[in-house]
Amino acid sequence: MSTVVIILHFIVTIGLIGVVLVQADKGSGLSGAFGGGASQTIFGSTGGLDFLGKLTTTLAVLFMVTSLALCIVLPKNSTNINPNIKQSAPVQTPNPGSMPAVD
């Protein structure tokens, strides 16, 4: 189950990055919020979200849902995703009192 959620999360992440990079710049940025773009409406000249805007919103919601699903599906005390990896035994260091003095 966790493998499916991880793969879905990876696909959604790559898709979200691609869609955001493909979108055209809307223009004025923050200056439009403070009166710089008075000729445009509050949603821009197109009047709302276009297809890429709706796709971005959908992928962002899917990203959040898969992130929450990963928090639920993955074990709480897991330090790695692959449970088949065995951790090595702890390295024992010598007692500092038993070390010979260096002249």
N, C-alpha and C. Protein backbone atom coordinates (compact mmCIF):
# COMPACT_ATOMS: atom_id res chain seq x y z
N MET A 1 0.82 -1.20 0.00
CA MET A 1 0.00 0.00 0.00
C MET A 1 0.86 1.26 0.00
N SER A 2 1.92 1.25 0.82
CA SER A 2 2.76 2.44 0.89
C SER A 2 3.49 2.69 -0.42
N THR A 3 3.84 1.62 -1.14
CA THR A 3 4.52 1.78 -2.43
C THR A 3 3.61 2.47 -3.43
N VAL A 4 2.34 2.14 -3.44
CA VAL A 4 1.38 2.77 -4.36
C VAL A 4 1.25 4.25 -4.05
N VAL A 5 1.17 4.59 -2.76
CA VAL A 5 1.02 6.00 -2.37
C VAL A 5 2.29 6.77 -2.71
N ILE A 6 3.46 6.16 -2.52
CA ILE A 6 4.72 6.83 -2.85
C ILE A 6 4.82 7.09 -4.35
N ILE A 7 4.46 6.10 -5.16
CA ILE A 7 4.52 6.27 -6.62
C ILE A 7 3.52 7.34 -7.07
N LEU A 8 2.31 7.31 -6.53
CA LEU A 8 1.31 8.33 -6.87
C LEU A 8 1.78 9.72 -6.45
N HIS A 9 2.38 9.82 -5.27
CA HIS A 9 2.89 11.10 -4.79
C HIS A 9 3.99 11.63 -5.70
N PHE A 10 4.87 10.73 -6.15
CA PHE A 10 5.95 11.13 -7.06
C PHE A 10 5.39 11.63 -8.40
N ILE A 11 4.41 10.93 -8.94
CA ILE A 11 3.80 11.34 -10.22
C ILE A 11 3.11 12.68 -10.09
N VAL A 12 2.36 12.87 -9.00
CA VAL A 12 1.66 14.14 -8.78
C VAL A 12 2.68 15.27 -8.62
N THR A 13 3.78 15.01 -7.91
CA THR A 13 4.80 16.04 -7.70
C THR A 13 5.43 16.47 -9.02
N ILE A 14 5.81 15.51 -9.85
CA ILE A 14 6.40 15.83 -11.15
C ILE A 14 5.38 16.58 -12.02
N GLY A 15 4.13 16.15 -12.00
CA GLY A 15 3.10 16.83 -12.77
C GLY A 15 2.88 18.26 -12.31
N LEU A 16 2.87 18.47 -10.99
CA LEU A 16 2.66 19.81 -10.45
C LEU A 16 3.82 20.74 -10.82
N ILE A 17 5.04 20.23 -10.75
CA ILE A 17 6.19 21.04 -11.15
C ILE A 17 6.09 21.40 -12.63
N GLY A 18 5.74 20.43 -13.46
CA GLY A 18 5.63 20.70 -14.89
C GLY A 18 4.54 21.70 -15.23
N VAL A 19 3.37 21.58 -14.60
CA VAL A 19 2.26 22.49 -14.90
C VAL A 19 2.59 23.90 -14.45
N VAL A 20 3.24 24.05 -13.30
CA VAL A 20 3.59 25.39 -12.83
C VAL A 20 4.62 26.03 -13.75
N LEU A 21 5.57 25.24 -14.24
CA LEU A 21 6.59 25.80 -15.13
C LEU A 21 6.04 26.16 -16.51
N VAL A 22 4.99 25.48 -16.95
CA VAL A 22 4.42 25.74 -18.27
C VAL A 22 3.54 26.99 -18.29
N GLN A 23 2.98 27.36 -17.15
CA GLN A 23 2.04 28.48 -17.12
C GLN A 23 2.71 29.79 -17.51
N ALA A 24 1.92 30.62 -18.18
CA ALA A 24 2.40 31.93 -18.59
C ALA A 24 2.35 32.89 -17.40
N ASP A 25 3.22 33.88 -17.42
CA ASP A 25 3.26 34.88 -16.36
C ASP A 25 2.00 35.75 -16.44
N LYS A 26 1.41 36.00 -15.30
CA LYS A 26 0.18 36.80 -15.28
C LYS A 26 0.46 38.29 -15.32
N GLY A 27 1.70 38.70 -15.13
CA GLY A 27 2.00 40.12 -15.27
C GLY A 27 2.39 40.80 -14.00
N SER A 28 1.58 41.71 -13.55
CA SER A 28 1.96 42.72 -12.57
C SER A 28 2.37 42.21 -11.20
N GLY A 29 2.08 41.00 -10.83
CA GLY A 29 2.47 40.49 -9.52
C GLY A 29 1.77 41.21 -8.39
N LEU A 30 2.50 41.61 -7.36
CA LEU A 30 1.89 42.29 -6.23
C LEU A 30 1.48 43.71 -6.54
N SER A 31 2.08 44.33 -7.54
CA SER A 31 1.69 45.71 -7.85
C SER A 31 0.24 45.80 -8.31
N GLY A 32 -0.27 44.71 -8.88
CA GLY A 32 -1.67 44.71 -9.29
C GLY A 32 -2.62 44.71 -8.11
N ALA A 33 -2.18 44.18 -7.00
CA ALA A 33 -3.03 44.15 -5.81
C ALA A 33 -3.16 45.51 -5.16
N PHE A 34 -2.24 46.43 -5.44
CA PHE A 34 -2.25 47.75 -4.82
C PHE A 34 -2.56 48.85 -5.81
N GLY A 35 -3.29 48.56 -6.85
CA GLY A 35 -3.74 49.60 -7.76
C GLY A 35 -2.93 49.73 -9.03
N GLY A 36 -1.88 48.98 -9.21
CA GLY A 36 -1.07 49.09 -10.41
C GLY A 36 -1.76 48.56 -11.65
N GLY A 37 -2.62 47.58 -11.49
CA GLY A 37 -3.33 47.01 -12.63
C GLY A 37 -4.80 47.34 -12.59
N ALA A 38 -5.14 48.61 -12.54
CA ALA A 38 -6.52 49.03 -12.35
C ALA A 38 -7.41 48.68 -13.55
N SER A 39 -6.80 48.46 -14.70
CA SER A 39 -7.63 48.18 -15.88
C SER A 39 -8.14 46.73 -15.89
N GLN A 40 -7.55 45.86 -15.10
CA GLN A 40 -7.97 44.47 -15.09
C GLN A 40 -8.93 44.21 -13.94
N THR A 41 -9.73 43.18 -14.11
CA THR A 41 -10.65 42.81 -13.04
C THR A 41 -9.90 42.06 -11.95
N ILE A 42 -10.59 41.68 -10.90
CA ILE A 42 -9.93 41.02 -9.77
C ILE A 42 -9.41 39.64 -10.16
N PHE A 43 -10.00 39.00 -11.16
CA PHE A 43 -9.55 37.68 -11.60
C PHE A 43 -8.70 37.76 -12.85
N GLY A 44 -8.27 38.92 -13.25
CA GLY A 44 -7.48 39.07 -14.46
C GLY A 44 -8.38 39.32 -15.66
N SER A 45 -7.77 39.52 -16.79
CA SER A 45 -8.54 39.86 -17.98
C SER A 45 -9.30 38.66 -18.55
N THR A 46 -8.91 37.45 -18.18
CA THR A 46 -9.59 36.28 -18.72
C THR A 46 -10.84 35.93 -17.91
N GLY A 47 -10.97 36.46 -16.70
CA GLY A 47 -12.18 36.25 -15.92
C GLY A 47 -12.20 34.92 -15.17
N GLY A 48 -11.14 34.53 -14.59
CA GLY A 48 -11.13 33.30 -13.80
C GLY A 48 -9.99 32.38 -14.17
N LEU A 49 -10.11 31.15 -13.72
CA LEU A 49 -9.05 30.18 -13.99
C LEU A 49 -9.22 29.53 -15.35
N ASP A 50 -8.13 29.40 -16.05
CA ASP A 50 -8.15 28.66 -17.30
C ASP A 50 -7.87 27.19 -17.01
N PHE A 51 -7.63 26.41 -18.04
CA PHE A 51 -7.41 24.97 -17.86
C PHE A 51 -6.18 24.69 -17.01
N LEU A 52 -5.08 25.40 -17.28
CA LEU A 52 -3.86 25.15 -16.51
C LEU A 52 -4.02 25.56 -15.05
N GLY A 53 -4.81 26.60 -14.79
CA GLY A 53 -5.07 27.00 -13.41
C GLY A 53 -5.86 25.95 -12.66
N LYS A 54 -6.86 25.39 -13.32
CA LYS A 54 -7.66 24.33 -12.69
C LYS A 54 -6.83 23.06 -12.49
N LEU A 55 -5.97 22.76 -13.46
CA LEU A 55 -5.10 21.59 -13.33
C LEU A 55 -4.10 21.78 -12.19
N THR A 56 -3.58 23.00 -12.03
CA THR A 56 -2.67 23.29 -10.93
C THR A 56 -3.36 23.11 -9.59
N THR A 57 -4.58 23.62 -9.48
CA THR A 57 -5.34 23.48 -8.23
C THR A 57 -5.61 22.01 -7.92
N THR A 58 -6.00 21.25 -8.93
CA THR A 58 -6.29 19.82 -8.73
C THR A 58 -5.03 19.07 -8.29
N LEU A 59 -3.91 19.34 -8.95
CA LEU A 59 -2.66 18.65 -8.59
C LEU A 59 -2.16 19.07 -7.21
N ALA A 60 -2.39 20.34 -6.84
CA ALA A 60 -1.98 20.78 -5.50
C ALA A 60 -2.80 20.09 -4.42
N VAL A 61 -4.10 19.93 -4.66
CA VAL A 61 -4.95 19.22 -3.70
C VAL A 61 -4.53 17.75 -3.61
N LEU A 62 -4.26 17.12 -4.76
CA LEU A 62 -3.79 15.73 -4.76
C LEU A 62 -2.45 15.59 -4.04
N PHE A 63 -1.58 16.58 -4.20
CA PHE A 63 -0.29 16.56 -3.50
C PHE A 63 -0.49 16.59 -1.99
N MET A 64 -1.41 17.43 -1.53
CA MET A 64 -1.68 17.50 -0.09
C MET A 64 -2.30 16.21 0.43
N VAL A 65 -3.21 15.63 -0.34
CA VAL A 65 -3.86 14.39 0.08
C VAL A 65 -2.86 13.24 0.13
N THR A 66 -1.99 13.14 -0.88
CA THR A 66 -1.01 12.06 -0.85
C THR A 66 0.04 12.28 0.24
N SER A 67 0.35 13.53 0.56
CA SER A 67 1.27 13.80 1.67
C SER A 67 0.67 13.33 2.99
N LEU A 68 -0.60 13.63 3.20
CA LEU A 68 -1.27 13.16 4.42
C LEU A 68 -1.37 11.64 4.43
N ALA A 69 -1.63 11.04 3.28
CA ALA A 69 -1.73 9.59 3.20
C ALA A 69 -0.39 8.94 3.53
N LEU A 70 0.71 9.56 3.11
CA LEU A 70 2.03 9.02 3.44
C LEU A 70 2.28 9.09 4.94
N CYS A 71 1.82 10.14 5.58
CA CYS A 71 1.98 10.24 7.04
C CYS A 71 1.20 9.15 7.76
N ILE A 72 0.08 8.75 7.20
CA ILE A 72 -0.75 7.73 7.83
C ILE A 72 -0.25 6.32 7.51
N VAL A 73 0.15 6.09 6.25
CA VAL A 73 0.50 4.75 5.79
C VAL A 73 1.86 4.30 6.28
N LEU A 74 2.86 5.18 6.26
CA LEU A 74 4.20 4.79 6.66
C LEU A 74 4.26 4.54 8.16
N PRO A 75 5.07 3.58 8.58
CA PRO A 75 5.19 3.29 10.02
C PRO A 75 5.70 4.50 10.79
N LYS A 76 5.25 4.61 12.03
CA LYS A 76 5.60 5.78 12.84
C LYS A 76 7.08 5.83 13.20
N ASN A 77 7.69 4.68 13.51
CA ASN A 77 9.08 4.67 13.95
C ASN A 77 10.06 4.31 12.84
N SER A 78 9.65 4.41 11.61
CA SER A 78 10.50 4.04 10.50
C SER A 78 11.46 5.18 10.19
N THR A 79 12.74 4.83 10.02
CA THR A 79 13.73 5.84 9.63
C THR A 79 14.00 5.80 8.14
N ASN A 80 13.57 4.75 7.47
CA ASN A 80 13.73 4.67 6.03
C ASN A 80 12.45 4.10 5.42
N ILE A 81 12.31 4.28 4.13
CA ILE A 81 11.08 3.85 3.45
C ILE A 81 11.09 2.35 3.22
N ASN A 82 12.25 1.76 2.94
CA ASN A 82 12.34 0.34 2.64
C ASN A 82 12.55 -0.45 3.94
N PRO A 83 11.56 -1.23 4.38
CA PRO A 83 11.72 -1.96 5.63
C PRO A 83 12.65 -3.17 5.52
N ASN A 84 13.05 -3.55 4.30
CA ASN A 84 13.92 -4.71 4.11
C ASN A 84 15.39 -4.39 4.38
N ILE A 85 15.74 -3.12 4.50
CA ILE A 85 17.12 -2.74 4.76
C ILE A 85 17.41 -2.96 6.24
N LYS A 86 18.44 -3.75 6.49
CA LYS A 86 18.83 -4.03 7.86
C LYS A 86 19.80 -2.97 8.34
N GLN A 87 19.62 -2.50 9.57
CA GLN A 87 20.54 -1.53 10.13
C GLN A 87 21.73 -2.27 10.73
N SER A 88 22.90 -1.65 10.59
CA SER A 88 24.11 -2.28 11.11
C SER A 88 24.15 -2.17 12.63
N ALA A 89 24.96 -3.05 13.22
CA ALA A 89 25.11 -3.05 14.68
C ALA A 89 25.85 -1.79 15.10
N PRO A 90 25.58 -1.29 16.30
CA PRO A 90 26.28 -0.07 16.74
C PRO A 90 27.77 -0.34 16.91
N VAL A 91 28.57 0.65 16.56
CA VAL A 91 30.02 0.53 16.65
C VAL A 91 30.43 0.76 18.10
N GLN A 92 31.22 -0.16 18.63
CA GLN A 92 31.67 -0.01 20.01
C GLN A 92 32.99 0.73 20.02
N THR A 93 33.05 1.79 20.79
CA THR A 93 34.28 2.56 20.91
C THR A 93 35.02 2.10 22.16
N PRO A 94 36.34 2.11 22.11
CA PRO A 94 37.10 1.67 23.29
C PRO A 94 36.95 2.67 24.44
N ASN A 95 37.13 2.18 25.63
CA ASN A 95 37.06 3.01 26.82
C ASN A 95 38.26 3.97 26.83
N PRO A 96 38.04 5.28 27.01
CA PRO A 96 39.17 6.22 26.97
C PRO A 96 40.22 5.95 28.04
N GLY A 97 39.85 5.32 29.16
CA GLY A 97 40.82 5.02 30.20
C GLY A 97 41.77 3.90 29.83
N SER A 98 41.40 3.05 28.89
CA SER A 98 42.25 1.92 28.49
C SER A 98 43.20 2.27 27.36
N MET A 99 43.11 3.48 26.83
CA MET A 99 43.98 3.90 25.72
C MET A 99 45.36 4.25 26.28
N PRO A 100 46.43 3.86 25.58
CA PRO A 100 47.78 4.23 26.04
C PRO A 100 48.01 5.73 25.89
N ALA A 101 48.78 6.27 26.80
CA ALA A 101 49.08 7.71 26.76
C ALA A 101 50.02 8.01 25.60
N VAL A 102 49.80 9.14 24.96
CA VAL A 102 50.65 9.57 23.85
C VAL A 102 51.62 10.61 24.36
N ASP A 103 52.95 10.39 24.11
CA ASP A 103 53.97 11.35 24.57
C ASP A 103 54.20 12.43 23.57
